Amino acid sequence: GQTANNYFGIKATGGWRGERVATSTQEYVGGGFRTEQAAFRAYSGTAESFADYAALLKRLPRYADAIGSGSDIRGFAEALQRGGYATDPDYARKIEAIAKGPTLNRALARLDIDDARHAPPVPAAARSMLAAGGLGGF
């Protein structure tokens, strides 16, 4: 029932001192999914969520390959997965399917972001969205 504006599923671990919300999440452990309770970061709005995501990727060396992947959506997602961003072994494939899928295409077209009406729209749109957080090289 709480709004966290956490568009990237970033958990409130380590030294996180900001707002947080607790919710159920699916984690892949020991060969299967299980439901766990976890604390996630909460943001005041979309811009704060994007800025924190970009800062997290830039700050942690384990995500350096993701930042260096350019417009390769699958490479970006695989590098995040290798860096420990998600426990789901199918994470990269799922992210790629969302990024190249019709739902995101339609949403971006409605917003008139970059070349949203022409496949594949996401690399340019992702660069635009993450540039605000200092990841212009994505």
N, C-alpha and C. Protein backbone atom coordinates (compact mmCIF):
# COMPACT_ATOMS: atom_id res chain seq x y z
N GLY A 1 0.79 -1.20 0.00
CA GLY A 1 0.00 0.00 0.00
C GLY A 1 0.83 1.26 0.00
N GLN A 2 2.15 1.16 0.13
CA GLN A 2 3.00 2.34 0.16
C GLN A 2 3.59 2.61 -1.22
N THR A 3 3.78 3.89 -1.54
CA THR A 3 4.45 4.27 -2.78
C THR A 3 5.90 4.57 -2.47
N ALA A 4 6.81 3.86 -3.15
CA ALA A 4 8.23 4.03 -2.89
C ALA A 4 8.96 4.68 -4.06
N ASN A 5 8.34 4.75 -5.23
CA ASN A 5 8.99 5.29 -6.42
C ASN A 5 10.34 4.62 -6.68
N ASN A 6 10.45 3.35 -6.34
CA ASN A 6 11.69 2.61 -6.51
C ASN A 6 11.58 1.81 -7.81
N TYR A 7 11.97 2.43 -8.93
CA TYR A 7 11.77 1.83 -10.24
C TYR A 7 12.79 0.77 -10.60
N PHE A 8 13.81 0.57 -9.76
CA PHE A 8 14.86 -0.39 -10.07
C PHE A 8 15.02 -1.46 -9.01
N GLY A 9 14.10 -1.52 -8.06
CA GLY A 9 14.12 -2.58 -7.05
C GLY A 9 15.36 -2.58 -6.19
N ILE A 10 15.86 -1.40 -5.83
CA ILE A 10 17.08 -1.30 -5.03
C ILE A 10 16.74 -1.51 -3.56
N LYS A 11 17.41 -2.48 -2.98
CA LYS A 11 17.18 -2.77 -1.57
C LYS A 11 17.86 -1.75 -0.67
N ALA A 12 17.33 -1.58 0.51
CA ALA A 12 17.87 -0.63 1.50
C ALA A 12 18.87 -1.36 2.38
N THR A 13 20.00 -1.71 1.79
CA THR A 13 21.04 -2.43 2.52
C THR A 13 22.23 -1.53 2.78
N GLY A 14 23.22 -2.09 3.47
CA GLY A 14 24.46 -1.36 3.70
C GLY A 14 24.24 -0.08 4.46
N GLY A 15 24.80 0.98 3.92
CA GLY A 15 24.75 2.27 4.59
C GLY A 15 23.58 3.14 4.20
N TRP A 16 22.55 2.57 3.61
CA TRP A 16 21.39 3.38 3.20
C TRP A 16 20.77 4.06 4.41
N ARG A 17 20.66 5.38 4.35
CA ARG A 17 20.13 6.15 5.47
C ARG A 17 18.81 6.84 5.13
N GLY A 18 18.32 6.61 3.92
CA GLY A 18 17.09 7.26 3.50
C GLY A 18 15.84 6.49 3.91
N GLU A 19 14.73 6.93 3.37
CA GLU A 19 13.45 6.28 3.63
C GLU A 19 13.47 4.86 3.07
N ARG A 20 12.61 4.02 3.63
CA ARG A 20 12.52 2.62 3.19
C ARG A 20 11.11 2.11 3.35
N VAL A 21 10.83 1.05 2.59
CA VAL A 21 9.56 0.34 2.72
C VAL A 21 9.88 -1.15 2.78
N ALA A 22 9.10 -1.89 3.54
CA ALA A 22 9.26 -3.34 3.62
C ALA A 22 8.19 -4.00 2.77
N THR A 23 8.59 -5.01 2.01
CA THR A 23 7.64 -5.71 1.15
C THR A 23 8.15 -7.11 0.86
N SER A 24 7.27 -7.94 0.34
CA SER A 24 7.65 -9.28 -0.08
C SER A 24 8.38 -9.22 -1.41
N THR A 25 9.33 -10.10 -1.58
CA THR A 25 10.07 -10.19 -2.83
C THR A 25 10.39 -11.65 -3.12
N GLN A 26 10.58 -11.96 -4.37
CA GLN A 26 10.96 -13.31 -4.78
C GLN A 26 12.47 -13.34 -4.98
N GLU A 27 13.14 -14.23 -4.27
CA GLU A 27 14.58 -14.40 -4.41
C GLU A 27 14.85 -15.82 -4.88
N TYR A 28 15.83 -15.95 -5.77
CA TYR A 28 16.21 -17.27 -6.27
C TYR A 28 17.34 -17.78 -5.38
N VAL A 29 17.06 -18.83 -4.62
CA VAL A 29 18.02 -19.39 -3.67
C VAL A 29 17.97 -20.91 -3.76
N GLY A 30 19.14 -21.52 -3.84
CA GLY A 30 19.21 -22.98 -3.82
C GLY A 30 18.44 -23.68 -4.91
N GLY A 31 18.39 -23.09 -6.09
CA GLY A 31 17.74 -23.74 -7.22
C GLY A 31 16.25 -23.44 -7.38
N GLY A 32 15.72 -22.53 -6.57
CA GLY A 32 14.30 -22.20 -6.72
C GLY A 32 13.97 -20.85 -6.11
N PHE A 33 12.79 -20.38 -6.41
CA PHE A 33 12.34 -19.09 -5.87
C PHE A 33 11.69 -19.28 -4.52
N ARG A 34 11.91 -18.30 -3.66
CA ARG A 34 11.21 -18.29 -2.38
C ARG A 34 10.85 -16.84 -2.06
N THR A 35 9.78 -16.70 -1.31
CA THR A 35 9.31 -15.38 -0.93
C THR A 35 9.99 -14.96 0.37
N GLU A 36 10.50 -13.74 0.36
CA GLU A 36 11.15 -13.18 1.54
C GLU A 36 10.63 -11.77 1.78
N GLN A 37 10.77 -11.30 2.99
CA GLN A 37 10.50 -9.90 3.30
C GLN A 37 11.83 -9.16 3.18
N ALA A 38 11.80 -7.98 2.60
CA ALA A 38 13.01 -7.18 2.46
C ALA A 38 12.67 -5.70 2.53
N ALA A 39 13.66 -4.92 2.93
CA ALA A 39 13.52 -3.46 2.94
C ALA A 39 14.06 -2.91 1.63
N PHE A 40 13.29 -2.02 1.01
CA PHE A 40 13.68 -1.39 -0.24
C PHE A 40 13.76 0.11 -0.04
N ARG A 41 14.62 0.74 -0.81
CA ARG A 41 14.75 2.19 -0.74
C ARG A 41 13.45 2.85 -1.21
N ALA A 42 13.13 3.97 -0.59
CA ALA A 42 11.95 4.74 -0.98
C ALA A 42 12.40 6.14 -1.39
N TYR A 43 11.82 6.63 -2.46
CA TYR A 43 12.21 7.92 -3.01
C TYR A 43 11.01 8.85 -3.09
N SER A 44 11.29 10.14 -3.11
CA SER A 44 10.21 11.12 -3.18
C SER A 44 9.61 11.22 -4.58
N GLY A 45 10.33 10.75 -5.60
CA GLY A 45 9.81 10.82 -6.96
C GLY A 45 10.68 10.07 -7.94
N THR A 46 10.27 10.12 -9.20
CA THR A 46 10.95 9.41 -10.27
C THR A 46 12.39 9.88 -10.45
N ALA A 47 12.61 11.17 -10.47
CA ALA A 47 13.96 11.70 -10.70
C ALA A 47 14.93 11.22 -9.63
N GLU A 48 14.49 11.19 -8.40
CA GLU A 48 15.35 10.72 -7.30
C GLU A 48 15.69 9.24 -7.48
N SER A 49 14.72 8.45 -7.93
CA SER A 49 14.96 7.03 -8.16
C SER A 49 16.00 6.82 -9.26
N PHE A 50 15.84 7.52 -10.38
CA PHE A 50 16.80 7.38 -11.48
C PHE A 50 18.19 7.86 -11.08
N ALA A 51 18.26 8.97 -10.37
CA ALA A 51 19.56 9.51 -9.95
C ALA A 51 20.27 8.54 -9.02
N ASP A 52 19.54 7.93 -8.09
CA ASP A 52 20.16 7.00 -7.16
C ASP A 52 20.61 5.73 -7.88
N TYR A 53 19.83 5.26 -8.83
CA TYR A 53 20.21 4.08 -9.62
C TYR A 53 21.52 4.35 -10.36
N ALA A 54 21.59 5.49 -11.04
CA ALA A 54 22.80 5.84 -11.77
C ALA A 54 23.99 5.97 -10.82
N ALA A 55 23.78 6.60 -9.67
CA ALA A 55 24.86 6.75 -8.70
C ALA A 55 25.34 5.40 -8.17
N LEU A 56 24.40 4.49 -7.93
CA LEU A 56 24.75 3.15 -7.44
C LEU A 56 25.61 2.42 -8.46
N LEU A 57 25.22 2.45 -9.72
CA LEU A 57 25.98 1.77 -10.76
C LEU A 57 27.37 2.38 -10.93
N LYS A 58 27.46 3.69 -10.84
CA LYS A 58 28.76 4.35 -10.97
C LYS A 58 29.66 4.11 -9.76
N ARG A 59 29.08 4.02 -8.58
CA ARG A 59 29.85 3.91 -7.34
C ARG A 59 30.44 2.52 -7.12
N LEU A 60 29.72 1.49 -7.52
CA LEU A 60 30.16 0.13 -7.23
C LEU A 60 30.92 -0.47 -8.41
N PRO A 61 32.19 -0.80 -8.21
CA PRO A 61 33.01 -1.35 -9.31
C PRO A 61 32.44 -2.63 -9.92
N ARG A 62 31.65 -3.37 -9.17
CA ARG A 62 31.10 -4.62 -9.71
C ARG A 62 30.13 -4.38 -10.87
N TYR A 63 29.70 -3.13 -11.08
CA TYR A 63 28.81 -2.81 -12.18
C TYR A 63 29.52 -2.07 -13.32
N ALA A 64 30.83 -2.01 -13.30
CA ALA A 64 31.59 -1.28 -14.32
C ALA A 64 31.32 -1.83 -15.72
N ASP A 65 31.20 -3.14 -15.86
CA ASP A 65 30.93 -3.72 -17.18
C ASP A 65 29.55 -3.31 -17.69
N ALA A 66 28.60 -3.12 -16.80
CA ALA A 66 27.27 -2.68 -17.22
C ALA A 66 27.34 -1.27 -17.79
N ILE A 67 28.04 -0.39 -17.11
CA ILE A 67 28.17 0.98 -17.58
C ILE A 67 28.88 1.02 -18.92
N GLY A 68 29.85 0.14 -19.13
CA GLY A 68 30.61 0.11 -20.37
C GLY A 68 29.96 -0.66 -21.50
N SER A 69 28.73 -1.09 -21.35
CA SER A 69 28.09 -1.93 -22.36
C SER A 69 27.46 -1.14 -23.51
N GLY A 70 27.49 0.18 -23.44
CA GLY A 70 26.93 1.00 -24.52
C GLY A 70 25.45 0.76 -24.68
N SER A 71 25.00 0.56 -25.92
CA SER A 71 23.57 0.38 -26.18
C SER A 71 23.16 -1.08 -26.23
N ASP A 72 24.03 -1.98 -25.80
CA ASP A 72 23.75 -3.42 -25.79
C ASP A 72 22.91 -3.76 -24.56
N ILE A 73 21.60 -3.81 -24.75
CA ILE A 73 20.68 -4.05 -23.63
C ILE A 73 20.98 -5.37 -22.94
N ARG A 74 21.14 -6.43 -23.72
CA ARG A 74 21.40 -7.75 -23.14
C ARG A 74 22.73 -7.74 -22.39
N GLY A 75 23.75 -7.13 -22.98
CA GLY A 75 25.06 -7.04 -22.32
C GLY A 75 24.97 -6.26 -21.02
N PHE A 76 24.19 -5.19 -21.01
CA PHE A 76 23.99 -4.39 -19.81
C PHE A 76 23.35 -5.24 -18.71
N ALA A 77 22.27 -5.94 -19.06
CA ALA A 77 21.56 -6.76 -18.08
C ALA A 77 22.42 -7.92 -17.59
N GLU A 78 23.17 -8.55 -18.50
CA GLU A 78 24.05 -9.65 -18.08
C GLU A 78 25.14 -9.16 -17.14
N ALA A 79 25.69 -7.97 -17.41
CA ALA A 79 26.72 -7.41 -16.54
C ALA A 79 26.14 -7.08 -15.16
N LEU A 80 24.91 -6.57 -15.12
CA LEU A 80 24.26 -6.34 -13.83
C LEU A 80 24.11 -7.65 -13.07
N GLN A 81 23.67 -8.67 -13.77
CA GLN A 81 23.45 -9.97 -13.15
C GLN A 81 24.77 -10.53 -12.62
N ARG A 82 25.83 -10.46 -13.42
CA ARG A 82 27.15 -10.93 -12.96
C ARG A 82 27.62 -10.16 -11.73
N GLY A 83 27.25 -8.89 -11.66
CA GLY A 83 27.63 -8.04 -10.54
C GLY A 83 26.81 -8.30 -9.28
N GLY A 84 25.81 -9.15 -9.37
CA GLY A 84 25.00 -9.49 -8.21
C GLY A 84 23.76 -8.64 -8.02
N TYR A 85 23.33 -7.92 -9.07
CA TYR A 85 22.18 -7.05 -8.95
C TYR A 85 20.89 -7.82 -8.71
N ALA A 86 20.78 -9.02 -9.28
CA ALA A 86 19.55 -9.80 -9.14
C ALA A 86 19.89 -11.27 -8.90
N THR A 87 19.03 -11.95 -8.18
CA THR A 87 19.25 -13.37 -7.92
C THR A 87 18.63 -14.26 -8.99
N ASP A 88 17.69 -13.76 -9.76
CA ASP A 88 17.00 -14.53 -10.79
C ASP A 88 17.99 -14.90 -11.89
N PRO A 89 18.21 -16.19 -12.14
CA PRO A 89 19.15 -16.58 -13.19
C PRO A 89 18.69 -16.20 -14.59
N ASP A 90 17.43 -15.83 -14.74
CA ASP A 90 16.87 -15.43 -16.02
C ASP A 90 16.72 -13.91 -16.13
N TYR A 91 17.34 -13.18 -15.22
CA TYR A 91 17.20 -11.73 -15.13
C TYR A 91 17.51 -11.03 -16.46
N ALA A 92 18.67 -11.33 -17.04
CA ALA A 92 19.09 -10.63 -18.26
C ALA A 92 18.09 -10.84 -19.39
N ARG A 93 17.62 -12.06 -19.58
CA ARG A 93 16.65 -12.32 -20.64
C ARG A 93 15.36 -11.55 -20.40
N LYS A 94 14.91 -11.52 -19.15
CA LYS A 94 13.66 -10.81 -18.83
C LYS A 94 13.79 -9.31 -19.07
N ILE A 95 14.92 -8.72 -18.68
CA ILE A 95 15.13 -7.29 -18.89
C ILE A 95 15.16 -6.98 -20.38
N GLU A 96 15.84 -7.82 -21.15
CA GLU A 96 15.90 -7.61 -22.59
C GLU A 96 14.50 -7.71 -23.21
N ALA A 97 13.71 -8.67 -22.78
CA ALA A 97 12.35 -8.83 -23.31
C ALA A 97 11.49 -7.61 -23.00
N ILE A 98 11.63 -7.05 -21.81
CA ILE A 98 10.88 -5.85 -21.45
C ILE A 98 11.35 -4.67 -22.30
N ALA A 99 12.67 -4.51 -22.40
CA ALA A 99 13.24 -3.37 -23.12
C ALA A 99 12.89 -3.37 -24.60
N LYS A 100 12.77 -4.54 -25.18
CA LYS A 100 12.48 -4.63 -26.61
C LYS A 100 11.01 -4.95 -26.89
N GLY A 101 10.22 -5.01 -25.85
CA GLY A 101 8.83 -5.42 -25.99
C GLY A 101 7.88 -4.30 -26.40
N PRO A 102 6.70 -4.68 -26.81
CA PRO A 102 5.72 -3.71 -27.31
C PRO A 102 5.17 -2.77 -26.24
N THR A 103 5.09 -3.21 -25.01
CA THR A 103 4.52 -2.34 -23.98
C THR A 103 5.41 -1.11 -23.75
N LEU A 104 6.70 -1.33 -23.60
CA LEU A 104 7.61 -0.20 -23.42
C LEU A 104 7.64 0.66 -24.67
N ASN A 105 7.63 0.04 -25.82
CA ASN A 105 7.59 0.77 -27.09
C ASN A 105 6.41 1.73 -27.13
N ARG A 106 5.23 1.23 -26.77
CA ARG A 106 4.02 2.07 -26.78
C ARG A 106 4.12 3.19 -25.76
N ALA A 107 4.63 2.89 -24.57
CA ALA A 107 4.76 3.92 -23.53
C ALA A 107 5.71 5.02 -23.98
N LEU A 108 6.83 4.65 -24.54
CA LEU A 108 7.80 5.65 -25.00
C LEU A 108 7.25 6.45 -26.17
N ALA A 109 6.49 5.80 -27.04
CA ALA A 109 5.89 6.52 -28.16
C ALA A 109 4.91 7.58 -27.66
N ARG A 110 4.14 7.26 -26.63
CA ARG A 110 3.20 8.23 -26.06
C ARG A 110 3.93 9.42 -25.44
N LEU A 111 5.13 9.16 -24.92
CA LEU A 111 5.91 10.24 -24.32
C LEU A 111 6.75 10.99 -25.34
N ASP A 112 6.82 10.45 -26.57
CA ASP A 112 7.59 11.04 -27.65
C ASP A 112 9.05 11.19 -27.25
N ILE A 113 9.61 10.12 -26.67
CA ILE A 113 11.01 10.12 -26.25
C ILE A 113 11.86 9.60 -27.40
N ASP A 114 12.82 10.41 -27.83
CA ASP A 114 13.77 10.04 -28.88
C ASP A 114 13.06 9.38 -30.05
N ASP A 115 13.53 8.23 -30.47
CA ASP A 115 12.96 7.51 -31.61
C ASP A 115 12.04 6.40 -31.15
N ALA A 116 11.16 6.69 -30.23
CA ALA A 116 10.33 5.66 -29.59
C ALA A 116 9.44 4.92 -30.59
N ARG A 117 9.14 5.52 -31.72
CA ARG A 117 8.24 4.86 -32.68
C ARG A 117 8.98 3.90 -33.60
N HIS A 118 10.29 3.83 -33.47
CA HIS A 118 11.09 2.98 -34.35
C HIS A 118 11.88 1.99 -33.51
N ALA A 119 11.79 0.72 -33.82
CA ALA A 119 12.51 -0.31 -33.07
C ALA A 119 13.98 -0.27 -33.42
N PRO A 120 14.87 -0.54 -32.50
CA PRO A 120 14.64 -0.63 -31.07
C PRO A 120 14.80 0.74 -30.43
N PRO A 121 13.83 1.20 -29.65
CA PRO A 121 13.85 2.54 -29.09
C PRO A 121 14.65 2.69 -27.80
N VAL A 122 14.88 1.62 -27.11
CA VAL A 122 15.33 1.73 -25.74
C VAL A 122 16.73 2.29 -25.54
N PRO A 123 17.73 1.94 -26.33
CA PRO A 123 19.05 2.48 -26.03
C PRO A 123 19.08 4.00 -25.97
N ALA A 124 18.48 4.68 -26.94
CA ALA A 124 18.46 6.13 -26.92
C ALA A 124 17.65 6.65 -25.74
N ALA A 125 16.51 6.02 -25.48
CA ALA A 125 15.67 6.44 -24.37
C ALA A 125 16.39 6.22 -23.04
N ALA A 126 17.07 5.09 -22.91
CA ALA A 126 17.80 4.81 -21.68
C ALA A 126 18.90 5.84 -21.46
N ARG A 127 19.59 6.21 -22.54
CA ARG A 127 20.64 7.24 -22.40
C ARG A 127 20.02 8.54 -21.90
N SER A 128 18.87 8.90 -22.45
CA SER A 128 18.23 10.15 -22.04
C SER A 128 17.83 10.10 -20.57
N MET A 129 17.24 8.98 -20.15
CA MET A 129 16.74 8.89 -18.78
C MET A 129 17.89 8.84 -17.78
N LEU A 130 18.97 8.13 -18.11
CA LEU A 130 20.06 7.97 -17.16
C LEU A 130 21.04 9.13 -17.18
N ALA A 131 21.00 9.96 -18.22
CA ALA A 131 21.90 11.10 -18.28
C ALA A 131 21.69 12.04 -17.11
N ALA A 132 20.46 12.13 -16.63
CA ALA A 132 20.17 12.99 -15.48
C ALA A 132 20.91 12.52 -14.23
N GLY A 133 21.21 11.24 -14.17
CA GLY A 133 21.94 10.71 -13.02
C GLY A 133 23.43 10.62 -13.26
N GLY A 134 23.91 11.15 -14.38
CA GLY A 134 25.33 11.16 -14.64
C GLY A 134 25.86 9.92 -15.36
N LEU A 135 24.99 9.14 -15.97
CA LEU A 135 25.43 7.96 -16.71
C LEU A 135 25.27 8.20 -18.20
N GLY A 136 25.68 9.36 -18.67
CA GLY A 136 25.51 9.70 -20.07
C GLY A 136 26.20 8.74 -21.02
N GLY A 137 27.20 7.99 -20.56
CA GLY A 137 27.90 7.08 -21.42
C GLY A 137 27.21 5.76 -21.60
N PHE A 138 26.08 5.56 -20.99
CA PHE A 138 25.36 4.29 -21.09
C PHE A 138 24.90 4.07 -22.50
